[in-house]
């Protein structure tokens, strides 16, 4: 009864502002409200009964009062507690999970309000806003995957807990807190932090956000509550989210941010680590075993370091227990963001971006394909003896998840496999596509019995690689005739050497044809039957 009377007496009253109390008190009240909403969300997640929180009949007076004075904030809270069909029916999502998702939404809104009234030169409130938004986006993705029977919501939660849930950043709602965190980092001359946050902000500019997926998780009633919460708790404090900007404007904003995150620096950072640590280990091995350094060469030492880097197993302490600070590589985040940005560009948008930047994007994406293959190979080598097949399949499926949209961008394009189109490709983009096509073949060969690659993609890879090989032979033959016309034909008894790219394309083309032949015979490469 006391709670009912409190709601009736509070409904319709305006929120506190700086004309009534000091800003720090408003910020503190908003933080307390956010913490309360977050705690309620955790309780709702833990509730497996899926019963409603309150009986609607007991709150008729409160509903009527909120309706009379148009208090949408309290009305939303009352509906969350009394509705029994917030989650979408016929899905493996409980009603209380839908309630928890909406309460997380309110948590984000209250934290946004707190950051508006907090000290603009201090990061805690903006960081709190960012964290609550990421938590809400991650939860939405978990429920969305479960709704689609993908059964990887546990992995999403694990990635979020480790800070590796890159997909959670693809939302325009984190633009405001990120912009403020970047501003504060710049004022403190922390350029490493600026680069990291700028990459995250670029992700938010090119991301679609969660609003478009809510209808796949929540019922019509739940979706309406989501919109009501946006209007009452979020939109007033998040006006500069970029939601109304065109895709080209957002892409160009992202491009401006990427200028702060030089792709070449990220690649050079990893290469330098490999060289320095590999050299240290090689020299140490020589000192232990004489000038021969045992059976390990310098290249093998560097290769071992690179494998540890891509699998995240590089030691953080030396032999004496001293901490080793190598600096965290951002290549994974950079590559995922750039790949999404690259694939989202239309022909017109791509023409407005400098070719040098597009080349850097392609180089970075190609490098990530190579890194993912190396990671999968390393995991397979380390776990094969332990017969941990699931971990090996997961590593190779990460390769497929990254390259699949790249290959499909060629397969689904109009006349993209024509010689004219391939010939017109800039070198960096062509090299990227060759690497992606080869990765499809490597993936299909390494886990043939569990491969999820469609035959159409194998055919696309085969056609692309064959066409590229033919064009390369024609180009090299033309260059040969051009040299002979200038220098004169030189008689030679030795056979002409082939370029590395030609050899690479020949091997890949033959592997693709071999794979298609196995498929036509009804068996899979690398399987027991073949």
Protein backbone atom coordinates (compact mmCIF):
# COMPACT_ATOMS: atom_id res chain seq x y z
CA UNK A 1 0.00 0.00 0.00
CA UNK A 2 2.86 2.38 0.82
CA UNK A 3 4.47 1.73 -2.58
CA UNK A 4 1.13 2.26 -4.32
CA UNK A 5 0.57 5.57 -2.53
CA UNK A 6 4.15 6.64 -3.32
CA UNK A 7 3.62 5.99 -7.04
CA UNK A 8 0.29 7.85 -7.06
CA UNK A 9 1.80 10.86 -5.26
CA UNK A 10 4.95 10.89 -7.42
CA UNK A 11 3.31 10.41 -10.84
CA UNK A 12 3.28 13.52 -12.97
CA UNK A 13 6.04 15.32 -11.09
CA UNK A 14 8.86 16.69 -13.24
CA UNK A 15 12.37 15.30 -12.88
CA UNK A 16 14.79 17.26 -10.74
CA UNK A 17 16.92 19.83 -12.55
CA UNK A 18 19.70 22.27 -11.66
CA UNK A 19 17.17 24.96 -10.74
CA UNK A 20 16.07 22.83 -7.78
CA UNK A 21 19.19 21.01 -6.57
CA UNK A 22 22.88 20.92 -7.43
CA UNK A 23 24.05 18.87 -10.41
CA UNK A 24 26.14 16.38 -8.36
CA UNK A 25 23.04 15.43 -6.34
CA UNK A 26 21.06 14.83 -9.53
CA UNK A 27 23.90 12.70 -10.89
CA UNK A 28 24.05 10.74 -7.64
CA UNK A 29 20.29 10.12 -7.65
CA UNK A 30 20.46 8.91 -11.25
CA UNK A 31 23.31 6.52 -10.40
CA UNK A 32 21.30 5.08 -7.50
CA UNK A 33 18.34 4.59 -9.85
CA UNK A 34 20.61 2.87 -12.38
CA UNK A 35 22.03 0.56 -9.72
CA UNK A 36 18.52 -0.33 -8.54
CA UNK A 37 17.42 -1.12 -12.12
CA UNK A 38 20.57 -3.20 -12.67
CA UNK A 39 19.95 -5.19 -9.48
CA UNK A 40 16.33 -5.83 -10.51
CA UNK A 41 17.60 -6.97 -13.93
CA UNK A 42 19.95 -9.49 -12.28
CA UNK A 43 17.10 -10.79 -10.11
CA UNK A 44 14.87 -11.15 -13.17
CA UNK A 45 17.56 -13.15 -14.99
CA UNK A 46 17.87 -15.46 -12.00
CA UNK A 47 14.09 -15.99 -11.80
CA UNK A 48 13.33 -19.23 -13.67
CA UNK A 49 9.60 -19.27 -12.83
CA UNK A 50 8.79 -16.67 -15.52
CA UNK A 51 5.84 -15.44 -13.46
CA UNK A 52 4.85 -11.79 -13.52
CA UNK A 53 6.31 -9.62 -10.76
CA UNK A 54 3.05 -7.93 -9.72
CA UNK A 55 -0.66 -8.59 -10.22
CA UNK A 56 -2.05 -5.92 -12.52
CA UNK A 57 -5.36 -5.74 -10.66
CA UNK A 58 -3.57 -4.53 -7.52
CA UNK A 59 -2.16 -1.50 -9.33
CA UNK A 60 -5.23 -0.15 -11.11
CA UNK A 61 -5.06 3.14 -9.21
CA UNK A 62 -1.41 3.67 -10.11
CA UNK A 63 -2.06 2.92 -13.79
CA UNK A 64 -4.96 5.36 -13.82
CA UNK A 65 -2.93 8.11 -12.15
CA UNK A 66 0.00 7.72 -14.58
CA UNK A 67 -2.41 7.79 -17.50
CA UNK A 68 -4.17 10.92 -16.20
CA UNK A 69 -0.93 12.90 -15.85
CA UNK A 70 0.89 11.34 -18.86
CA UNK A 71 3.77 9.96 -16.77
CA UNK A 72 5.34 7.54 -19.27
CA UNK A 73 8.35 6.78 -17.05
CA UNK A 74 6.35 5.29 -14.20
CA UNK A 75 3.87 3.74 -16.64
CA UNK A 76 6.74 1.82 -18.28
CA UNK A 77 7.88 0.48 -14.90
CA UNK A 78 4.36 -0.62 -14.00
CA UNK A 79 3.93 -2.42 -17.32
CA UNK A 80 7.29 -4.18 -16.99
CA UNK A 81 6.18 -5.54 -13.62
CA UNK A 82 2.69 -6.64 -14.63
CA UNK A 83 2.84 -7.80 -18.26
CA UNK A 84 3.01 -11.57 -18.79
CA UNK A 85 3.97 -11.63 -22.48
CA UNK A 86 6.98 -9.34 -22.91
CA UNK A 87 9.13 -11.95 -24.66
CA UNK A 88 8.05 -13.27 -28.05
CA UNK A 89 5.90 -16.39 -27.90
CA UNK A 90 7.09 -19.74 -29.32
CA UNK A 91 10.75 -18.84 -28.68
CA UNK A 92 13.07 -20.39 -26.13
CA UNK A 93 13.17 -17.05 -24.26
CA UNK A 94 11.50 -16.65 -20.89
CA UNK A 95 9.27 -13.70 -20.04
CA UNK A 96 11.57 -12.70 -17.18
CA UNK A 97 14.49 -12.53 -19.61
CA UNK A 98 12.51 -9.99 -21.61
CA UNK A 99 11.87 -8.10 -18.36
CA UNK A 100 15.59 -8.18 -17.55
CA UNK A 101 16.47 -6.83 -21.03
CA UNK A 102 14.12 -3.86 -20.55
CA UNK A 103 15.45 -3.17 -17.05
CA UNK A 104 18.98 -3.09 -18.50
CA UNK A 105 17.65 -0.50 -20.92
CA UNK A 106 16.48 1.64 -18.02
CA UNK A 107 19.88 1.19 -16.36
CA UNK A 108 21.53 2.63 -19.47
CA UNK A 109 19.10 5.57 -19.53
CA UNK A 110 19.70 6.44 -15.87
CA UNK A 111 23.46 6.27 -16.36
CA UNK A 112 23.15 8.60 -19.36
CA UNK A 113 21.25 11.06 -17.18
CA UNK A 114 23.94 10.78 -14.49
CA UNK A 115 26.71 11.50 -17.01
CA UNK A 116 24.83 14.62 -18.22
CA UNK A 117 25.01 16.13 -14.71
CA UNK A 118 28.47 14.83 -13.75
CA UNK A 119 31.87 16.51 -14.03
CA UNK A 120 32.51 16.65 -17.83
CA UNK A 121 36.27 16.27 -17.32
CA UNK A 122 36.09 13.00 -15.36
CA UNK A 123 35.50 9.64 -17.09
CA UNK A 124 33.70 7.44 -14.47
CA UNK A 125 30.10 8.37 -15.35
CA UNK A 126 30.72 8.18 -19.09
CA UNK A 127 32.41 4.79 -18.59
CA UNK A 128 29.39 3.65 -16.56
CA UNK A 129 27.08 4.70 -19.41
CA UNK A 130 29.23 2.86 -21.94
CA UNK A 131 29.36 -0.34 -19.86
CA UNK A 132 25.59 -0.43 -19.29
CA UNK A 133 24.91 0.07 -23.01
CA UNK A 134 27.36 -2.70 -23.95
CA UNK A 135 25.74 -5.02 -21.39
CA UNK A 136 22.31 -4.32 -22.89
CA UNK A 137 23.54 -4.92 -26.46
CA UNK A 138 25.32 -8.12 -25.45
CA UNK A 139 22.19 -9.45 -23.71
CA UNK A 140 20.09 -8.64 -26.76
CA UNK A 141 22.53 -10.56 -28.97
CA UNK A 142 22.43 -13.54 -26.59
CA UNK A 143 18.63 -13.68 -26.74
CA UNK A 144 18.66 -13.12 -30.50
CA UNK A 145 21.03 -16.05 -31.05
CA UNK A 146 18.90 -18.27 -28.84
CA UNK A 147 15.80 -17.22 -30.78
CA UNK A 148 17.56 -18.37 -33.97
CA UNK A 149 18.70 -21.61 -32.30
CA UNK A 150 22.38 -20.71 -32.75
CA UNK A 151 23.16 -21.90 -29.22
CA UNK A 152 26.22 -19.69 -28.83
CA UNK A 153 24.80 -17.22 -26.28
CA UNK A 154 27.23 -18.72 -23.74
CA UNK A 155 30.17 -17.74 -25.96
CA UNK A 156 28.78 -14.20 -26.36
CA UNK A 157 28.54 -13.85 -22.57
CA UNK A 158 32.08 -15.22 -22.20
CA UNK A 159 33.39 -12.74 -24.79
CA UNK A 160 31.59 -9.87 -23.03
CA UNK A 161 33.03 -10.83 -19.63
CA UNK A 162 36.53 -10.89 -21.18
CA UNK A 163 35.97 -7.59 -23.00
CA UNK A 164 36.15 -9.30 -26.42
CA UNK A 165 32.52 -8.92 -27.55
CA UNK A 166 33.31 -6.68 -30.53
CA UNK A 167 29.77 -6.92 -31.93
CA UNK A 168 28.35 -5.11 -28.87
CA UNK A 169 29.98 -1.90 -30.13
CA UNK A 170 27.97 -1.84 -33.37
CA UNK A 171 25.39 0.55 -31.95
CA UNK A 172 24.99 4.31 -32.44
CA UNK A 173 23.89 4.62 -28.80
CA UNK A 174 27.46 4.40 -27.51
CA UNK A 175 28.55 7.41 -29.58
CA UNK A 176 27.85 9.95 -26.81
CA UNK A 177 29.80 8.24 -24.00
CA UNK A 178 32.63 7.30 -26.38
CA UNK A 179 32.96 10.85 -27.71
CA UNK A 180 33.30 12.14 -24.16
CA UNK A 181 35.82 9.47 -23.19
CA UNK A 182 37.88 10.32 -26.30
CA UNK A 183 37.71 14.04 -25.43
CA UNK A 184 38.97 13.34 -21.89
CA UNK A 185 41.76 11.02 -23.14
CA UNK A 186 42.91 13.68 -25.64
CA UNK A 187 43.00 16.32 -22.90
CA UNK A 188 45.33 14.02 -20.93
CA UNK A 189 47.49 13.30 -24.02
CA UNK A 190 46.75 9.58 -23.74
CA UNK A 191 46.92 8.92 -27.49
CA UNK A 192 46.99 5.14 -27.13
CA UNK A 193 43.63 5.31 -25.36
CA UNK A 194 42.36 7.76 -28.00
CA UNK A 195 43.28 5.32 -30.78
CA UNK A 196 41.54 2.42 -29.02
CA UNK A 197 38.36 4.39 -28.33
CA UNK A 198 38.36 5.87 -31.85
CA UNK A 199 38.30 2.37 -33.30
CA UNK A 200 35.34 1.53 -31.07
CA UNK A 201 33.61 4.73 -32.15
CA UNK A 202 34.17 3.82 -35.81
CA UNK A 203 32.39 0.54 -35.09
CA UNK A 204 29.40 2.41 -33.65
CA UNK A 205 29.18 4.68 -36.72
CA UNK A 206 28.93 1.76 -39.14
CA UNK A 207 26.82 -0.49 -36.88
CA UNK A 208 23.08 -0.94 -37.19
CA UNK A 209 22.42 -1.03 -33.44
CA UNK A 210 19.98 -3.19 -31.54
CA UNK A 211 16.64 -1.51 -32.28
CA UNK A 212 16.28 -3.39 -35.57
CA UNK A 213 16.55 -6.77 -33.84
CA UNK A 214 14.27 -6.15 -30.85
CA UNK A 215 11.18 -7.35 -32.73
CA UNK A 216 12.84 -10.76 -33.21
CA UNK A 217 13.11 -11.21 -29.43
CA UNK A 218 10.27 -9.25 -27.81
CA UNK A 219 6.53 -9.44 -28.37
CA UNK A 220 4.52 -6.50 -29.71
CA UNK A 221 3.95 -5.39 -26.13
CA UNK A 222 7.66 -5.76 -25.34
CA UNK A 223 8.68 -3.76 -28.44
CA UNK A 224 6.31 -0.96 -27.43
CA UNK A 225 7.85 -0.88 -23.97
CA UNK A 226 11.33 -0.73 -25.56
CA UNK A 227 10.24 2.34 -27.55
CA UNK A 228 8.58 3.94 -24.49
CA UNK A 229 11.77 3.47 -22.47
CA UNK A 230 13.79 5.03 -25.29
CA UNK A 231 11.54 8.09 -25.29
CA UNK A 232 11.41 8.48 -21.51
CA UNK A 233 14.91 7.47 -20.42
CA UNK A 234 17.35 7.69 -23.34
CA UNK A 235 16.52 9.95 -26.28
CA UNK A 236 16.58 13.20 -24.28
CA UNK A 237 20.21 12.56 -23.24
CA UNK A 238 21.46 10.89 -26.41
CA UNK A 239 20.42 13.33 -29.12
CA UNK A 240 23.85 13.27 -30.84
CA UNK A 241 23.81 9.55 -31.52
CA UNK A 242 23.98 9.92 -35.30
CA UNK A 243 20.79 7.94 -35.88
CA UNK A 244 19.49 10.45 -38.40
CA UNK A 245 22.67 10.65 -40.46
CA UNK A 246 22.91 9.00 -43.88
CA UNK A 247 25.06 5.92 -44.33
CA UNK A 248 27.64 7.93 -46.29
CA UNK A 249 27.90 10.56 -43.54
CA UNK A 250 28.43 7.84 -40.95
CA UNK A 251 31.01 6.07 -43.12
CA UNK A 252 32.94 9.30 -43.63
CA UNK A 253 32.82 9.95 -39.88
CA UNK A 254 34.24 6.47 -39.35
CA UNK A 255 36.91 7.18 -41.98
CA UNK A 256 37.92 10.33 -40.11
CA UNK A 257 38.32 8.29 -36.93
CA UNK A 258 40.31 5.59 -38.67
CA UNK A 259 42.87 8.21 -39.61
CA UNK A 260 43.72 8.24 -35.88
CA UNK A 261 44.21 4.48 -35.93
CA UNK A 262 46.90 3.94 -38.53
CA UNK A 263 46.46 0.36 -39.76
CA UNK A 264 50.12 0.14 -40.68
CA UNK A 265 51.08 0.94 -37.07
CA UNK A 266 48.96 -1.98 -35.81
CA UNK A 267 50.56 -4.41 -38.29
CA UNK A 268 54.06 -3.01 -37.62
CA UNK A 269 53.49 -3.37 -33.87
CA UNK A 270 52.80 -7.09 -34.19
CA UNK A 271 55.64 -7.65 -36.67
CA UNK A 272 58.06 -5.83 -34.39
CA UNK A 273 57.01 -7.94 -31.39
CA UNK A 274 57.55 -11.11 -33.42
CA UNK A 275 61.01 -10.01 -34.54
CA UNK A 276 62.21 -8.69 -31.18
CA UNK A 277 60.94 -11.56 -29.01
CA UNK A 278 61.89 -14.16 -31.61
CA UNK A 279 65.42 -12.76 -31.79
CA UNK A 280 65.70 -12.72 -27.98
CA UNK A 281 64.68 -16.37 -27.79
CA UNK A 282 67.03 -17.36 -30.61
CA UNK A 283 70.00 -15.63 -28.96
CA UNK A 284 69.12 -17.22 -25.61
CA UNK A 285 69.02 -20.65 -27.28
CA UNK A 286 72.47 -20.02 -28.83
CA UNK A 287 73.87 -19.03 -25.45
CA UNK A 288 72.54 -22.20 -23.90
CA UNK A 289 73.65 -24.65 -26.58
CA UNK A 290 76.57 -22.95 -28.30
CA UNK A 291 76.70 -21.23 -31.67
CA UNK A 292 74.39 -23.75 -33.33
CA UNK A 293 71.35 -22.71 -31.19
CA UNK A 294 70.28 -26.33 -31.27
CA UNK A 295 67.89 -27.25 -34.07
CA UNK A 296 65.88 -24.01 -33.92
CA UNK A 297 66.48 -21.37 -36.60
CA UNK A 298 65.76 -17.68 -36.22
CA UNK A 299 62.74 -17.94 -38.57
CA UNK A 300 61.33 -20.87 -36.58
CA UNK A 301 61.73 -18.91 -33.37
CA UNK A 302 59.83 -15.97 -34.85
CA UNK A 303 57.14 -18.30 -36.22
CA UNK A 304 56.62 -19.73 -32.72
CA UNK A 305 56.21 -16.23 -31.27
CA UNK A 306 53.70 -15.30 -33.97
CA UNK A 307 51.65 -18.41 -33.19
CA UNK A 308 51.64 -17.46 -29.51
CA UNK A 309 50.55 -13.92 -30.37
CA UNK A 310 47.57 -14.92 -32.50
CA UNK A 311 46.41 -17.54 -29.97
CA UNK A 312 46.90 -15.24 -26.98
CA UNK A 313 49.37 -17.59 -25.28
CA UNK A 314 52.43 -15.32 -25.25
CA UNK A 315 53.84 -15.42 -21.68
CA UNK A 316 53.19 -12.32 -19.58
CA UNK A 317 56.17 -13.01 -17.28
CA UNK A 318 59.81 -13.87 -17.92
CA UNK A 319 61.66 -16.82 -16.40
CA UNK A 320 62.36 -14.79 -13.24
CA UNK A 321 58.72 -13.79 -12.74
CA UNK A 322 59.10 -10.22 -14.01
CA UNK A 323 56.05 -8.83 -15.82
CA UNK A 324 56.42 -8.38 -19.58
CA UNK A 325 54.41 -5.48 -21.04
CA UNK A 326 54.20 -5.94 -24.82
CA UNK A 327 51.18 -3.70 -25.31
CA UNK A 328 47.85 -5.14 -26.40
CA UNK A 329 47.44 -5.59 -30.16
CA UNK A 330 44.27 -4.08 -31.62
CA UNK A 331 44.50 -5.98 -34.91
CA UNK A 332 41.53 -8.24 -34.13
CA UNK A 333 39.26 -5.28 -33.37
CA UNK A 334 40.61 -3.21 -36.26
CA UNK A 335 40.14 -6.03 -38.78
CA UNK A 336 36.58 -6.89 -37.71
CA UNK A 337 35.57 -3.23 -37.88
CA UNK A 338 37.27 -2.56 -41.22
CA UNK A 339 35.80 -5.70 -42.80
CA UNK A 340 32.28 -4.65 -41.83
CA UNK A 341 32.94 -1.11 -43.07
CA UNK A 342 34.51 -2.34 -46.32
CA UNK A 343 31.54 -4.60 -47.13
CA UNK A 344 28.99 -1.91 -46.30
CA UNK A 345 30.37 0.56 -48.85
CA UNK A 346 28.47 1.09 -52.07
CA UNK A 347 30.31 1.80 -55.31
CA UNK A 348 29.57 5.52 -55.00
CA UNK A 349 30.73 5.66 -51.37
CA UNK A 350 33.90 3.76 -52.22
CA UNK A 351 34.71 6.22 -55.00
CA UNK A 352 34.72 9.08 -52.47
CA UNK A 353 37.29 7.44 -50.18
CA UNK A 354 41.00 7.81 -51.04
CA UNK A 355 42.44 4.71 -52.72
CA UNK A 356 45.36 4.71 -50.27
CA UNK A 357 42.95 4.25 -47.35
CA UNK A 358 41.05 1.49 -49.17
CA UNK A 359 44.36 -0.26 -49.87
CA UNK A 360 45.27 -0.11 -46.17
CA UNK A 361 41.86 -1.52 -45.25
CA UNK A 362 42.33 -4.42 -47.69
CA UNK A 363 45.85 -5.13 -46.40
CA UNK A 364 44.62 -5.24 -42.81
CA UNK A 365 41.66 -7.55 -43.64
CA UNK A 366 43.96 -9.85 -45.63
CA UNK A 367 46.38 -9.95 -42.71
CA UNK A 368 43.54 -10.95 -40.39
CA UNK A 369 42.56 -13.84 -42.69
CA UNK A 370 46.14 -15.10 -42.51
CA UNK A 371 46.19 -14.65 -38.72
CA UNK A 372 42.95 -16.60 -38.24
CA UNK A 373 44.24 -19.48 -40.39
CA UNK A 374 47.51 -19.52 -38.43
CA UNK A 375 45.53 -19.49 -35.18
CA UNK A 376 43.32 -22.41 -36.32
CA UNK A 377 46.37 -24.37 -37.45
CA UNK A 378 48.11 -23.76 -34.10
CA UNK A 379 45.04 -24.79 -32.11
CA UNK A 380 44.75 -27.94 -34.24
CA UNK A 381 48.43 -28.81 -33.68
CA UNK A 382 48.23 -28.23 -29.93
CA UNK A 383 44.94 -30.00 -29.30
CA UNK A 384 44.99 -32.83 -31.86
CA UNK A 385 46.75 -35.18 -29.46
CA UNK A 386 44.25 -34.28 -26.73
CA UNK A 387 41.41 -35.09 -29.17
CA UNK A 388 39.68 -31.80 -28.33
CA UNK A 389 37.75 -31.75 -31.59
CA UNK A 390 35.23 -29.08 -30.50
CA UNK A 391 37.93 -26.45 -29.86
CA UNK A 392 39.55 -27.21 -33.22
CA UNK A 393 36.23 -26.89 -35.07
CA UNK A 394 35.51 -23.63 -33.24
CA UNK A 395 38.85 -22.17 -34.36
CA UNK A 396 38.23 -23.11 -38.00
CA UNK A 397 34.63 -21.85 -37.84
CA UNK A 398 35.99 -18.46 -36.73
CA UNK A 399 37.93 -18.43 -40.00
CA UNK A 400 34.75 -19.16 -41.96
CA UNK A 401 32.73 -16.52 -40.10
CA UNK A 402 35.28 -13.88 -41.13
CA UNK A 403 35.82 -14.88 -44.78
CA UNK A 404 32.27 -15.91 -45.70
CA UNK A 405 30.92 -12.34 -46.20
CA UNK A 406 34.06 -11.42 -48.16
CA UNK A 407 33.63 -14.30 -50.61
CA UNK A 408 29.89 -13.73 -50.87
CA UNK A 409 30.50 -10.09 -51.77
CA UNK A 410 32.12 -11.45 -54.96
CA UNK A 411 29.70 -14.34 -55.47
CA UNK A 412 26.60 -12.16 -55.12
CA UNK A 413 27.86 -9.26 -57.23
CA UNK A 414 26.78 -8.73 -60.80
CA UNK A 415 29.45 -9.90 -63.28
CA UNK A 416 32.06 -9.82 -60.50
CA UNK A 417 33.69 -12.99 -61.86
CA UNK A 418 34.15 -11.52 -65.32
CA UNK A 419 37.69 -10.96 -66.52
CA UNK A 420 36.97 -7.25 -66.97
CA UNK A 421 35.84 -6.81 -63.37
CA UNK A 422 38.74 -8.78 -61.93
CA UNK A 423 41.24 -6.90 -64.11
CA UNK A 424 39.85 -3.55 -62.91
CA UNK A 425 40.31 -4.47 -59.23
CA UNK A 426 43.02 -2.52 -57.39
CA UNK A 427 45.96 -4.78 -56.51
CA UNK A 428 45.33 -4.70 -52.75
CA UNK A 429 41.69 -5.66 -53.14
CA UNK A 430 42.52 -8.42 -55.63
CA UNK A 431 45.14 -9.86 -53.25
CA UNK A 432 42.59 -9.77 -50.43
CA UNK A 433 40.05 -11.70 -52.48
CA UNK A 434 42.63 -14.27 -53.56
CA UNK A 435 43.57 -14.83 -49.92
CA UNK A 436 39.90 -15.12 -48.91
CA UNK A 437 39.20 -17.64 -51.72
CA UNK A 438 42.24 -19.68 -50.69
CA UNK A 439 41.05 -19.59 -47.08
CA UNK A 440 37.74 -21.14 -48.17
CA UNK A 441 39.64 -24.05 -49.70
CA UNK A 442 41.93 -24.44 -46.66
CA UNK A 443 38.92 -24.45 -44.32
CA UNK A 444 37.03 -26.99 -46.45
CA UNK A 445 40.06 -29.26 -46.68
CA UNK A 446 41.06 -29.14 -43.01
CA UNK A 447 37.65 -30.05 -41.55
CA UNK A 448 36.04 -31.65 -44.59
CA UNK A 449 33.64 -33.87 -42.66
CA UNK A 450 32.31 -30.89 -40.67
CA UNK A 451 32.63 -28.19 -43.34
CA UNK A 452 29.76 -25.68 -43.52
CA UNK A 453 30.89 -24.10 -46.80
CA UNK A 454 28.29 -24.12 -49.56
CA UNK A 455 29.35 -25.70 -52.86
CA UNK A 456 28.51 -22.41 -54.60
CA UNK A 457 31.30 -20.67 -52.66
CA UNK A 458 33.79 -23.36 -53.71
CA UNK A 459 32.70 -22.82 -57.33
CA UNK A 460 33.05 -19.06 -56.87
CA UNK A 461 36.55 -19.51 -55.47
CA UNK A 462 37.51 -21.85 -58.30
CA UNK A 463 36.19 -19.48 -60.99
CA UNK A 464 37.83 -16.42 -59.41
CA UNK A 465 41.21 -18.09 -58.97
CA UNK A 466 41.17 -19.57 -62.49
CA UNK A 467 40.23 -16.23 -64.04
CA UNK A 468 42.93 -14.48 -61.98
CA UNK A 469 45.52 -17.03 -63.10
CA UNK A 470 44.57 -16.57 -66.75
CA UNK A 471 44.80 -12.77 -66.45
CA UNK A 472 48.16 -13.02 -64.70
CA UNK A 473 49.59 -15.24 -67.44
CA UNK A 474 48.35 -12.83 -70.10
CA UNK A 475 49.82 -9.86 -68.20
CA UNK A 476 53.21 -11.55 -67.73
CA UNK A 477 53.29 -12.63 -71.37
CA UNK A 478 52.54 -9.08 -72.45
CA UNK A 479 55.32 -7.76 -70.20
CA UNK A 480 57.72 -10.31 -71.70
CA UNK A 481 56.90 -9.21 -75.25
CA UNK A 482 57.32 -5.58 -74.19
CA UNK A 483 60.80 -6.27 -72.77
CA UNK A 484 61.81 -8.20 -75.89
CA UNK A 485 60.67 -5.31 -78.08
CA UNK A 486 62.92 -2.94 -76.12
CA UNK A 487 65.94 -5.12 -75.33
CA UNK A 488 65.74 -7.67 -78.12
CA UNK A 489 65.08 -11.38 -77.70
CA UNK A 490 67.71 -13.05 -75.56
CA UNK A 491 68.35 -16.70 -76.35
CA UNK A 492 68.16 -18.82 -73.23
CA UNK A 493 68.29 -22.58 -72.80
CA UNK A 494 66.67 -22.49 -69.37
CA UNK A 495 62.93 -22.48 -68.83
CA UNK A 496 61.34 -19.18 -67.91
CA UNK A 497 60.68 -18.87 -64.16
CA UNK A 498 57.19 -18.35 -62.82
CA UNK A 499 56.34 -15.61 -60.37
CA UNK A 500 55.32 -16.51 -56.80
CA UNK A 501 51.80 -15.25 -57.47
CA UNK A 502 51.46 -17.46 -60.55
CA UNK A 503 52.63 -20.52 -58.62
CA UNK A 504 50.26 -19.63 -55.80
CA UNK A 505 47.28 -19.26 -58.14
CA UNK A 506 48.12 -22.49 -59.96
CA UNK A 507 48.18 -24.47 -56.73
CA UNK A 508 44.97 -22.85 -55.47
CA UNK A 509 43.13 -23.40 -58.76
CA UNK A 510 44.11 -27.07 -58.83
CA UNK A 511 43.04 -27.49 -55.20
CA UNK A 512 39.65 -25.93 -56.01
CA UNK A 513 39.14 -28.21 -59.02
CA UNK A 514 40.16 -31.19 -56.90
CA UNK A 515 37.64 -30.24 -54.23
CA UNK A 516 34.86 -29.89 -56.80
CA UNK A 517 35.81 -33.26 -58.29
CA UNK A 518 35.57 -34.94 -54.89
CA UNK A 519 32.19 -33.28 -54.34
CA UNK A 520 30.88 -34.52 -57.69
CA UNK A 521 31.94 -38.05 -56.72
CA UNK A 522 30.00 -37.79 -53.47
CA UNK A 523 32.98 -37.77 -51.11
CA UNK A 524 34.90 -35.13 -49.22
CA UNK A 525 38.58 -34.27 -49.41
CA UNK A 526 40.78 -35.40 -46.54
CA UNK A 527 38.10 -37.88 -45.42
CA UNK A 528 38.60 -41.59 -44.83
CA UNK A 529 36.68 -42.47 -47.99
CA UNK A 530 38.89 -40.35 -50.21
